[in-house]
Each structure stands twice: as structure tokens, then as C-alpha cells.
């Protein structure tokens, strides 16, 4: 028997709609989250925010804390980054989300953002899952790089069991034997997740492909398969980004992508 009771379709046949501010995840509209991998400066984040808002994004992403494979890589601006995000939110009116990497930081991060994100490296950080479970702040939970779908759902169960029902699952793919694709989203995995759980499921085409030239195709495929939203990395100058240069779109590329996504959404009976 799976180790989850609250997130499964047996607990709730009807799909759950999770609200981040006035944006719904799990409704008939596909919600778009966009922004840079990392918050690098107020100028960088504001320029990106204005561009993605104009193009139709509902939520601004950007990480103030960056868990990196190497201790020498850019680790994020931490609380200064959160302050920048709050300023940009005030100037643009966009909803904002960011990653939290430590249970001790949940209360601090929650003061600044509309949604908390738990990254792939922390999918099974059980103390962090329990802490966000005590909050009512919406949580975007990413699957681990080698996790099964049931393990992913068990991690979501920790949050719901703690009392927080506002969980959005993010399918960001898993590690495979193909080196040219970073963490491919397996065909059918989003559809299968939506069969198994009532929680909304979004897809991250940036981390899954690791290549900006593949994001358009991956985004179209995700919506066609039933994703409730996308989280896409956008940077004013990707070649100068302090992290994940190859997988970030320019604002112009993102603007061109949005009409394509709208056409796919319409073809499957949804809006954008």
C-alpha cells in the first residue's frame, strides 16, 4: 500500500485548486511562473519581472538561496535577495515565489513571498517538509532527481499531514543515461501523477531540458499532457547569469513562447 493517504485520488476524487494570491493552480487555466534562476540584483530582477508580466506570467520566480553542487558556486544573496524580491513585488504587483532550503528559514522566507518552493535536493528533507507543513503558505514541491512518483507523493504527504493542504507538485524530471538532457520529464509521468493525486501538477521545462533551445518543445508537451502550469527560467542576459546560463530564456524568447502555449492550451480545452 502506498505510504500516502491524503494526497491520493482515494482521498479526493475531484482535483484540488491551490491559490497563490489570486492565481489558481489546478483550474481550467494553465498558470505560468517565470523569472531568473537566481536573484542577482534589484535591476536584474525588476527588468525580468516587468518583461514576464507584460508577456502574461502570473508569478515571478527567483531564488535567494541556492543549494549548489559545489561550495564555490554562487549560493544566492539570501535575505538581501528576499528584500529585493519584496521591492520588485511592490513595484510590479506580481506574485512572488522562492526556494527555501532550511527548516530554520521557513518563517523568515514566508514573510517575503507568496509561495515557498522546495527544490529537488530537498524533496526528502523531512524536517523541512514538516516545517512547511505547519505553514499555510502555498508550497511548490519538486521531485528528487532519482525519485519514483510514489516517493514524490510520500514527500507531499508529509506537508499535508502537517496541516498544509496548499501543495503544488512540480515535475522537473529525473536523471537518466542521456547526458544531453539534464533531467528529462518522462513521457506520461505528468499524466500518471494526475491520475494518482488530486493535487495540481506543474512542469519545469528549464531544469528538465537544461537547454534553452528545447524549452519551447518541452513546454508545449507538458501542457498537452495535462500540466496545470509551468515554471520557466528567464534572464535579461543569460550568458551573464551567475547560475544555469544554458537553460534560461531571454525576455524576447519568453514573449514569443507565450502565444504558442496559448494555442496548445486552447487545443486541449484550457486557457492560459
C-alpha atoms as a PDB file:
ATOM      1  CA  UNK A   1       0.000   0.000   0.000  1.00  0.00           C
ATOM      2  CA  UNK A   2       1.423   3.434  -0.863  1.00  0.00           C
ATOM      3  CA  UNK A   3       2.666   5.489   2.072  1.00  0.00           C
ATOM      4  CA  UNK A   4       0.261   8.315   1.346  1.00  0.00           C
ATOM      5  CA  UNK A   5      -3.404   8.736   2.237  1.00  0.00           C
ATOM      6  CA  UNK A   6      -4.116  12.447   1.944  1.00  0.00           C
ATOM      7  CA  UNK A   7      -2.635  13.207  -1.476  1.00  0.00           C
ATOM      8  CA  UNK A   8      -4.117  10.262  -3.359  1.00  0.00           C
ATOM      9  CA  UNK A   9      -7.234  10.214  -5.527  1.00  0.00           C
ATOM     10  CA  UNK A  10      -8.783   7.840  -2.990  1.00  0.00           C
ATOM     11  CA  UNK A  11      -8.887  10.728  -0.513  1.00  0.00           C
ATOM     12  CA  UNK A  12     -10.352  13.189  -3.013  1.00  0.00           C
ATOM     13  CA  UNK A  13     -11.596  12.360  -6.488  1.00  0.00           C
ATOM     14  CA  UNK A  14     -12.031  15.972  -7.515  1.00  0.00           C
ATOM     15  CA  UNK A  15      -8.856  17.875  -8.320  1.00  0.00           C
ATOM     16  CA  UNK A  16      -7.678  20.387  -5.743  1.00  0.00           C
ATOM     17  CA  UNK A  17      -7.222  24.011  -6.763  1.00  0.00           C
ATOM     18  CA  UNK A  18      -4.393  25.750  -4.915  1.00  0.00           C
ATOM     19  CA  UNK A  19      -4.391  29.533  -4.867  1.00  0.00           C
ATOM     20  CA  UNK A  20      -1.244  31.639  -4.845  1.00  0.00           C
ATOM     21  CA  UNK A  21      -2.719  35.051  -4.272  1.00  0.00           C
ATOM     22  CA  UNK A  22      -5.398  35.352  -6.938  1.00  0.00           C
ATOM     23  CA  UNK A  23      -3.726  32.832  -9.268  1.00  0.00           C
ATOM     24  CA  UNK A  24      -5.192  29.334  -9.340  1.00  0.00           C
ATOM     25  CA  UNK A  25      -3.233  26.140  -9.936  1.00  0.00           C
ATOM     26  CA  UNK A  26      -5.415  23.194 -10.866  1.00  0.00           C
ATOM     27  CA  UNK A  27      -8.246  25.117 -12.514  1.00  0.00           C
ATOM     28  CA  UNK A  28      -9.016  25.147 -16.231  1.00  0.00           C
ATOM     29  CA  UNK A  29      -6.329  27.793 -16.795  1.00  0.00           C
ATOM     30  CA  UNK A  30      -2.648  26.933 -17.130  1.00  0.00           C
ATOM     31  CA  UNK A  31      -0.665  29.188 -14.785  1.00  0.00           C
ATOM     32  CA  UNK A  32       2.794  30.417 -15.780  1.00  0.00           C
ATOM     33  CA  UNK A  33       5.616  31.137 -13.324  1.00  0.00           C
ATOM     34  CA  UNK A  34       8.679  32.825 -14.803  1.00  0.00           C
ATOM     35  CA  UNK A  35      11.838  34.575 -13.717  1.00  0.00           C
ATOM     36  CA  UNK A  36      15.586  34.128 -13.232  1.00  0.00           C
ATOM     37  CA  UNK A  37      17.232  31.099 -11.708  1.00  0.00           C
ATOM     38  CA  UNK A  38      18.793  33.298  -9.024  1.00  0.00           C
ATOM     39  CA  UNK A  39      18.205  36.817  -7.757  1.00  0.00           C
ATOM     40  CA  UNK A  40      21.419  38.657  -8.624  1.00  0.00           C
ATOM     41  CA  UNK A  41      20.457  42.332  -8.223  1.00  0.00           C
ATOM     42  CA  UNK A  42      17.395  44.547  -7.993  1.00  0.00           C
ATOM     43  CA  UNK A  43      17.977  45.803 -11.543  1.00  0.00           C
ATOM     44  CA  UNK A  44      18.166  42.264 -12.938  1.00  0.00           C
ATOM     45  CA  UNK A  45      15.054  41.054 -11.129  1.00  0.00           C
ATOM     46  CA  UNK A  46      12.989  44.159 -11.904  1.00  0.00           C
ATOM     47  CA  UNK A  47      13.848  44.050 -15.614  1.00  0.00           C
ATOM     48  CA  UNK A  48      12.864  40.394 -15.753  1.00  0.00           C
ATOM     49  CA  UNK A  49       9.685  40.925 -13.741  1.00  0.00           C
ATOM     50  CA  UNK A  50       8.430  43.701 -15.992  1.00  0.00           C
ATOM     51  CA  UNK A  51       9.109  41.598 -19.085  1.00  0.00           C
ATOM     52  CA  UNK A  52       7.440  38.385 -17.880  1.00  0.00           C
ATOM     53  CA  UNK A  53       4.457  40.295 -16.522  1.00  0.00           C
ATOM     54  CA  UNK A  54       3.918  42.011 -19.872  1.00  0.00           C
ATOM     55  CA  UNK A  55       4.132  38.638 -21.613  1.00  0.00           C
ATOM     56  CA  UNK A  56       1.479  37.119 -19.340  1.00  0.00           C
ATOM     57  CA  UNK A  57       3.236  35.368 -16.450  1.00  0.00           C
ATOM     58  CA  UNK A  58       1.218  35.300 -13.224  1.00  0.00           C
ATOM     59  CA  UNK A  59       4.011  34.617 -10.722  1.00  0.00           C
ATOM     60  CA  UNK A  60       7.648  35.729 -10.564  1.00  0.00           C
ATOM     61  CA  UNK A  61      10.238  33.105  -9.656  1.00  0.00           C
ATOM     62  CA  UNK A  62      13.713  33.796  -8.350  1.00  0.00           C
ATOM     63  CA  UNK A  63      15.933  32.096  -5.780  1.00  0.00           C
ATOM     64  CA  UNK A  64      17.503  33.988  -2.897  1.00  0.00           C
ATOM     65  CA  UNK A  65      19.068  30.779  -1.564  1.00  0.00           C
ATOM     66  CA  UNK A  66      20.880  28.493  -3.994  1.00  0.00           C
ATOM     67  CA  UNK A  67      21.812  24.940  -2.958  1.00  0.00           C
ATOM     68  CA  UNK A  68      24.688  24.155  -5.333  1.00  0.00           C
ATOM     69  CA  UNK A  69      26.691  21.014  -6.028  1.00  0.00           C
ATOM     70  CA  UNK A  70      29.941  22.914  -5.489  1.00  0.00           C
ATOM     71  CA  UNK A  71      30.551  25.053  -2.375  1.00  0.00           C
ATOM     72  CA  UNK A  72      32.388  27.521  -4.619  1.00  0.00           C
ATOM     73  CA  UNK A  73      29.390  28.236  -6.852  1.00  0.00           C
ATOM     74  CA  UNK A  74      27.119  31.239  -6.328  1.00  0.00           C
ATOM     75  CA  UNK A  75      24.979  30.488  -3.271  1.00  0.00           C
ATOM     76  CA  UNK A  76      22.474  33.322  -3.607  1.00  0.00           C
ATOM     77  CA  UNK A  77      22.016  36.683  -1.881  1.00  0.00           C
ATOM     78  CA  UNK A  78      19.997  35.123   0.961  1.00  0.00           C
ATOM     79  CA  UNK A  79      17.929  37.660   2.949  1.00  0.00           C
ATOM     80  CA  UNK A  80      19.148  40.536   0.796  1.00  0.00           C
ATOM     81  CA  UNK A  81      17.669  38.659  -2.154  1.00  0.00           C
ATOM     82  CA  UNK A  82      14.363  38.315  -0.323  1.00  0.00           C
ATOM     83  CA  UNK A  83      14.327  42.062   0.279  1.00  0.00           C
ATOM     84  CA  UNK A  84      14.953  42.687  -3.416  1.00  0.00           C
ATOM     85  CA  UNK A  85      12.090  40.362  -4.300  1.00  0.00           C
ATOM     86  CA  UNK A  86       9.758  42.217  -1.940  1.00  0.00           C
ATOM     87  CA  UNK A  87      10.713  45.543  -3.562  1.00  0.00           C
ATOM     88  CA  UNK A  88      10.107  44.158  -7.042  1.00  0.00           C
ATOM     89  CA  UNK A  89       6.755  42.748  -5.985  1.00  0.00           C
ATOM     90  CA  UNK A  90       5.727  46.173  -4.702  1.00  0.00           C
ATOM     91  CA  UNK A  91       6.820  47.875  -7.932  1.00  0.00           C
ATOM     92  CA  UNK A  92       5.233  45.386 -10.334  1.00  0.00           C
ATOM     93  CA  UNK A  93       2.313  43.854  -8.439  1.00  0.00           C
ATOM     94  CA  UNK A  94       3.473  40.364  -9.402  1.00  0.00           C
ATOM     95  CA  UNK A  95       3.071  37.468  -7.002  1.00  0.00           C
ATOM     96  CA  UNK A  96       6.444  36.009  -5.993  1.00  0.00           C
ATOM     97  CA  UNK A  97       7.870  32.642  -5.027  1.00  0.00           C
ATOM     98  CA  UNK A  98      11.313  31.471  -3.928  1.00  0.00           C
ATOM     99  CA  UNK A  99      13.136  28.403  -2.691  1.00  0.00           C
ATOM    100  CA  UNK A 100      13.564  27.626   0.991  1.00  0.00           C
ATOM    101  CA  UNK A 101      16.366  25.186   1.808  1.00  0.00           C
ATOM    102  CA  UNK A 102      16.439  25.030   5.604  1.00  0.00           C
ATOM    103  CA  UNK A 103      13.666  24.421   8.124  1.00  0.00           C
ATOM    104  CA  UNK A 104      15.106  27.231  10.246  1.00  0.00           C
ATOM    105  CA  UNK A 105      14.457  29.737   7.421  1.00  0.00           C
ATOM    106  CA  UNK A 106      10.787  28.942   6.729  1.00  0.00           C
ATOM    107  CA  UNK A 107       9.386  31.714   8.937  1.00  0.00           C
ATOM    108  CA  UNK A 108      11.817  34.297   7.537  1.00  0.00           C
ATOM    109  CA  UNK A 109      11.240  33.407   3.882  1.00  0.00           C
ATOM    110  CA  UNK A 110       7.474  33.264   4.401  1.00  0.00           C
ATOM    111  CA  UNK A 111       7.454  36.947   5.376  1.00  0.00           C
ATOM    112  CA  UNK A 112       8.608  37.974   1.908  1.00  0.00           C
ATOM    113  CA  UNK A 113       6.910  35.664  -0.601  1.00  0.00           C
ATOM    114  CA  UNK A 114       3.521  34.346  -1.708  1.00  0.00           C
ATOM    115  CA  UNK A 115       4.683  30.750  -2.159  1.00  0.00           C
ATOM    116  CA  UNK A 116       7.547  28.602  -0.912  1.00  0.00           C
ATOM    117  CA  UNK A 117       9.457  26.286  -3.236  1.00  0.00           C
ATOM    118  CA  UNK A 118      11.210  23.099  -2.135  1.00  0.00           C
ATOM    119  CA  UNK A 119      13.803  22.033  -4.664  1.00  0.00           C
ATOM    120  CA  UNK A 120      14.773  18.583  -5.907  1.00  0.00           C
ATOM    121  CA  UNK A 121      17.690  18.265  -3.493  1.00  0.00           C
ATOM    122  CA  UNK A 122      15.336  18.724  -0.548  1.00  0.00           C
ATOM    123  CA  UNK A 123      12.415  16.537  -1.605  1.00  0.00           C
ATOM    124  CA  UNK A 124      13.255  14.182   1.246  1.00  0.00           C
ATOM    125  CA  UNK A 125      14.448  16.796   3.732  1.00  0.00           C
ATOM    126  CA  UNK A 126      11.838  15.646   6.212  1.00  0.00           C
ATOM    127  CA  UNK A 127      12.451  18.348   8.812  1.00  0.00           C
ATOM    128  CA  UNK A 128      11.883  20.971   6.101  1.00  0.00           C
ATOM    129  CA  UNK A 129       8.743  19.186   4.866  1.00  0.00           C
ATOM    130  CA  UNK A 130       7.357  19.084   8.406  1.00  0.00           C
ATOM    131  CA  UNK A 131       8.105  22.768   8.935  1.00  0.00           C
ATOM    132  CA  UNK A 132       6.331  23.939   5.784  1.00  0.00           C
ATOM    133  CA  UNK A 133       3.510  21.590   6.794  1.00  0.00           C
ATOM    134  CA  UNK A 134       2.924  23.834   9.804  1.00  0.00           C
ATOM    135  CA  UNK A 135       2.503  26.823   7.493  1.00  0.00           C
ATOM    136  CA  UNK A 136      -0.495  27.695   5.337  1.00  0.00           C
ATOM    137  CA  UNK A 137       1.767  29.311   2.763  1.00  0.00           C
ATOM    138  CA  UNK A 138       1.416  27.535  -0.626  1.00  0.00           C
ATOM    139  CA  UNK A 139       4.275  25.122  -1.308  1.00  0.00           C
ATOM    140  CA  UNK A 140       5.711  24.179  -4.709  1.00  0.00           C
ATOM    141  CA  UNK A 141       7.358  20.784  -4.186  1.00  0.00           C
ATOM    142  CA  UNK A 142       9.795  19.455  -6.795  1.00  0.00           C
ATOM    143  CA  UNK A 143      10.572  15.772  -7.224  1.00  0.00           C
ATOM    144  CA  UNK A 144      14.038  14.445  -6.451  1.00  0.00           C
ATOM    145  CA  UNK A 145      16.406  13.712  -9.308  1.00  0.00           C
ATOM    146  CA  UNK A 146      16.137   9.930  -8.834  1.00  0.00           C
ATOM    147  CA  UNK A 147      12.792   9.627  -7.078  1.00  0.00           C
ATOM    148  CA  UNK A 148       9.839   7.463  -8.036  1.00  0.00           C
ATOM    149  CA  UNK A 149       6.406   9.047  -8.307  1.00  0.00           C
ATOM    150  CA  UNK A 150       5.256   7.294  -5.138  1.00  0.00           C
ATOM    151  CA  UNK A 151       8.283   8.615  -3.234  1.00  0.00           C
ATOM    152  CA  UNK A 152       7.418  12.076  -4.542  1.00  0.00           C
ATOM    153  CA  UNK A 153       3.842  11.728  -3.313  1.00  0.00           C
ATOM    154  CA  UNK A 154       5.045  10.483   0.079  1.00  0.00           C
ATOM    155  CA  UNK A 155       7.037  13.705   0.449  1.00  0.00           C
ATOM    156  CA  UNK A 156       3.907  15.722  -0.335  1.00  0.00           C
ATOM    157  CA  UNK A 157       2.101  13.626   2.263  1.00  0.00           C
ATOM    158  CA  UNK A 158       4.434  14.972   4.958  1.00  0.00           C
ATOM    159  CA  UNK A 159       3.257  18.505   4.169  1.00  0.00           C
ATOM    160  CA  UNK A 160      -0.446  17.653   4.079  1.00  0.00           C
ATOM    161  CA  UNK A 161      -0.140  15.527   7.222  1.00  0.00           C
ATOM    162  CA  UNK A 162       1.298  18.600   8.940  1.00  0.00           C
ATOM    163  CA  UNK A 163      -1.869  20.538   8.136  1.00  0.00           C
ATOM    164  CA  UNK A 164      -0.908  22.467   4.993  1.00  0.00           C
ATOM    165  CA  UNK A 165      -3.199  21.472   2.117  1.00  0.00           C
ATOM    166  CA  UNK A 166      -1.791  24.074  -0.296  1.00  0.00           C
ATOM    167  CA  UNK A 167       0.708  21.937  -2.188  1.00  0.00           C
ATOM    168  CA  UNK A 168       1.593  22.186  -5.882  1.00  0.00           C
ATOM    169  CA  UNK A 169       3.663  19.339  -7.293  1.00  0.00           C
ATOM    170  CA  UNK A 170       6.388  20.244  -9.785  1.00  0.00           C
ATOM    171  CA  UNK A 171       7.571  17.562 -12.188  1.00  0.00           C
ATOM    172  CA  UNK A 172      11.123  18.580 -13.068  1.00  0.00           C
ATOM    173  CA  UNK A 173      12.263  15.241 -14.452  1.00  0.00           C
ATOM    174  CA  UNK A 174      14.774  12.657 -13.299  1.00  0.00           C
ATOM    175  CA  UNK A 175      18.352  11.706 -14.093  1.00  0.00           C
ATOM    176  CA  UNK A 176      18.723   9.237 -16.961  1.00  0.00           C
ATOM    177  CA  UNK A 177      21.585   7.819 -19.029  1.00  0.00           C
ATOM    178  CA  UNK A 178      21.249  10.583 -21.662  1.00  0.00           C
ATOM    179  CA  UNK A 179      23.850  13.290 -20.887  1.00  0.00           C
ATOM    180  CA  UNK A 180      22.481  15.838 -23.375  1.00  0.00           C
ATOM    181  CA  UNK A 181      19.192  16.111 -21.481  1.00  0.00           C
ATOM    182  CA  UNK A 182      19.666  17.298 -17.922  1.00  0.00           C
ATOM    183  CA  UNK A 183      16.714  15.685 -16.138  1.00  0.00           C
ATOM    184  CA  UNK A 184      14.125  14.571 -18.704  1.00  0.00           C
ATOM    185  CA  UNK A 185      10.439  14.606 -17.815  1.00  0.00           C
ATOM    186  CA  UNK A 186       9.422  11.100 -18.832  1.00  0.00           C
ATOM    187  CA  UNK A 187       6.566  10.890 -21.297  1.00  0.00           C
ATOM    188  CA  UNK A 188       3.411  10.027 -19.398  1.00  0.00           C
ATOM    189  CA  UNK A 189       4.776  10.920 -15.950  1.00  0.00           C
ATOM    190  CA  UNK A 190       2.721  14.110 -15.621  1.00  0.00           C
ATOM    191  CA  UNK A 191      -0.444  12.328 -16.743  1.00  0.00           C
ATOM    192  CA  UNK A 192       0.259   9.476 -14.320  1.00  0.00           C
ATOM    193  CA  UNK A 193       0.825  11.893 -11.449  1.00  0.00           C
ATOM    194  CA  UNK A 194      -2.535  13.481 -12.175  1.00  0.00           C
ATOM    195  CA  UNK A 195      -4.153  10.029 -12.059  1.00  0.00           C
ATOM    196  CA  UNK A 196      -2.542   9.272  -8.708  1.00  0.00           C
ATOM    197  CA  UNK A 197      -3.142  12.598  -6.927  1.00  0.00           C
ATOM    198  CA  UNK A 198      -5.735  15.339  -6.662  1.00  0.00           C
ATOM    199  CA  UNK A 199      -3.006  17.960  -6.180  1.00  0.00           C
ATOM    200  CA  UNK A 200      -2.168  20.310  -9.070  1.00  0.00           C
ATOM    201  CA  UNK A 201       0.892  19.337 -11.117  1.00  0.00           C
ATOM    202  CA  UNK A 202       3.155  21.798 -12.914  1.00  0.00           C
ATOM    203  CA  UNK A 203       6.262  21.130 -15.032  1.00  0.00           C
ATOM    204  CA  UNK A 204       9.719  22.741 -15.075  1.00  0.00           C
ATOM    205  CA  UNK A 205      10.955  22.655 -18.690  1.00  0.00           C
ATOM    206  CA  UNK A 206      14.082  24.648 -17.815  1.00  0.00           C
ATOM    207  CA  UNK A 207      15.655  22.222 -15.348  1.00  0.00           C
ATOM    208  CA  UNK A 208      14.396  19.163 -17.164  1.00  0.00           C
ATOM    209  CA  UNK A 209      15.985  20.037 -20.512  1.00  0.00           C
ATOM    210  CA  UNK A 210      18.910  22.128 -19.274  1.00  0.00           C
ATOM    211  CA  UNK A 211      18.880  23.764 -22.697  1.00  0.00           C
ATOM    212  CA  UNK A 212      17.023  26.926 -23.690  1.00  0.00           C
ATOM    213  CA  UNK A 213      16.593  25.672 -27.268  1.00  0.00           C
ATOM    214  CA  UNK A 214      14.418  22.790 -26.015  1.00  0.00           C
ATOM    215  CA  UNK A 215      12.164  24.742 -23.662  1.00  0.00           C
ATOM    216  CA  UNK A 216       9.527  25.594 -26.274  1.00  0.00           C
ATOM    217  CA  UNK A 217       9.017  21.952 -27.265  1.00  0.00           C
ATOM    218  CA  UNK A 218       9.086  20.737 -23.661  1.00  0.00           C
ATOM    219  CA  UNK A 219       6.576  23.388 -22.587  1.00  0.00           C
ATOM    220  CA  UNK A 220       4.157  22.518 -25.364  1.00  0.00           C
ATOM    221  CA  UNK A 221       4.408  18.824 -24.497  1.00  0.00           C
ATOM    222  CA  UNK A 222       3.772  19.488 -20.803  1.00  0.00           C
ATOM    223  CA  UNK A 223       0.550  21.408 -21.468  1.00  0.00           C
ATOM    224  CA  UNK A 224      -0.630  18.796 -23.954  1.00  0.00           C
ATOM    225  CA  UNK A 225      -0.101  16.110 -21.304  1.00  0.00           C
ATOM    226  CA  UNK A 226      -2.212  17.964 -18.753  1.00  0.00           C
ATOM    227  CA  UNK A 227       0.172  20.128 -16.710  1.00  0.00           C
ATOM    228  CA  UNK A 228      -1.610  22.757 -14.617  1.00  0.00           C
ATOM    229  CA  UNK A 229       1.250  25.205 -15.021  1.00  0.00           C
ATOM    230  CA  UNK A 230       4.872  25.777 -15.994  1.00  0.00           C
ATOM    231  CA  UNK A 231       7.836  27.297 -14.190  1.00  0.00           C
ATOM    232  CA  UNK A 232      10.264  28.781 -16.706  1.00  0.00           C
ATOM    233  CA  UNK A 233      13.605  30.478 -16.170  1.00  0.00           C
ATOM    234  CA  UNK A 234      14.054  33.895 -17.800  1.00  0.00           C
ATOM    235  CA  UNK A 235      17.064  36.220 -17.509  1.00  0.00           C
ATOM    236  CA  UNK A 236      17.811  39.576 -19.214  1.00  0.00           C
ATOM    237  CA  UNK A 237      21.274  38.314 -20.251  1.00  0.00           C
ATOM    238  CA  UNK A 238      21.506  34.536 -19.819  1.00  0.00           C
ATOM    239  CA  UNK A 239      25.144  34.480 -20.905  1.00  0.00           C
ATOM    240  CA  UNK A 240      25.986  36.632 -17.856  1.00  0.00           C
ATOM    241  CA  UNK A 241      23.862  34.677 -15.361  1.00  0.00           C
ATOM    242  CA  UNK A 242      25.575  33.538 -12.172  1.00  0.00           C
ATOM    243  CA  UNK A 243      23.877  30.132 -12.391  1.00  0.00           C
ATOM    244  CA  UNK A 244      22.290  27.914 -15.056  1.00  0.00           C
ATOM    245  CA  UNK A 245      23.227  30.044 -18.082  1.00  0.00           C
ATOM    246  CA  UNK A 246      22.223  27.445 -20.691  1.00  0.00           C
ATOM    247  CA  UNK A 247      18.629  26.927 -19.555  1.00  0.00           C
ATOM    248  CA  UNK A 248      17.358  30.497 -19.232  1.00  0.00           C
ATOM    249  CA  UNK A 249      15.325  32.234 -21.915  1.00  0.00           C
ATOM    250  CA  UNK A 250      15.732  35.884 -22.802  1.00  0.00           C
ATOM    251  CA  UNK A 251      12.662  38.093 -22.239  1.00  0.00           C
ATOM    252  CA  UNK A 252      12.139  38.180 -26.011  1.00  0.00           C
ATOM    253  CA  UNK A 253      12.184  34.395 -26.264  1.00  0.00           C
ATOM    254  CA  UNK A 254       9.713  34.126 -23.400  1.00  0.00           C
ATOM    255  CA  UNK A 255       7.392  36.653 -25.049  1.00  0.00           C
ATOM    256  CA  UNK A 256       7.461  34.598 -28.268  1.00  0.00           C
ATOM    257  CA  UNK A 257       6.773  31.399 -26.321  1.00  0.00           C
ATOM    258  CA  UNK A 258       3.569  32.570 -24.652  1.00  0.00           C
ATOM    259  CA  UNK A 259       1.320  32.667 -27.778  1.00  0.00           C
ATOM    260  CA  UNK A 260       2.480  29.148 -28.639  1.00  0.00           C
ATOM    261  CA  UNK A 261       1.498  27.934 -25.192  1.00  0.00           C
ATOM    262  CA  UNK A 262      -1.865  29.631 -25.519  1.00  0.00           C
ATOM    263  CA  UNK A 263      -2.539  27.761 -28.753  1.00  0.00           C
ATOM    264  CA  UNK A 264      -1.690  24.396 -27.171  1.00  0.00           C
ATOM    265  CA  UNK A 265      -3.803  25.155 -24.106  1.00  0.00           C
ATOM    266  CA  UNK A 266      -6.748  26.073 -26.306  1.00  0.00           C
ATOM    267  CA  UNK A 267      -6.326  22.855 -28.309  1.00  0.00           C
ATOM    268  CA  UNK A 268      -6.743  20.767 -25.152  1.00  0.00           C
ATOM    269  CA  UNK A 269      -9.694  22.808 -23.870  1.00  0.00           C
ATOM    270  CA  UNK A 270      -7.873  25.057 -21.436  1.00  0.00           C
ATOM    271  CA  UNK A 271      -6.909  28.697 -21.139  1.00  0.00           C
ATOM    272  CA  UNK A 272      -3.667  30.474 -20.313  1.00  0.00           C
END
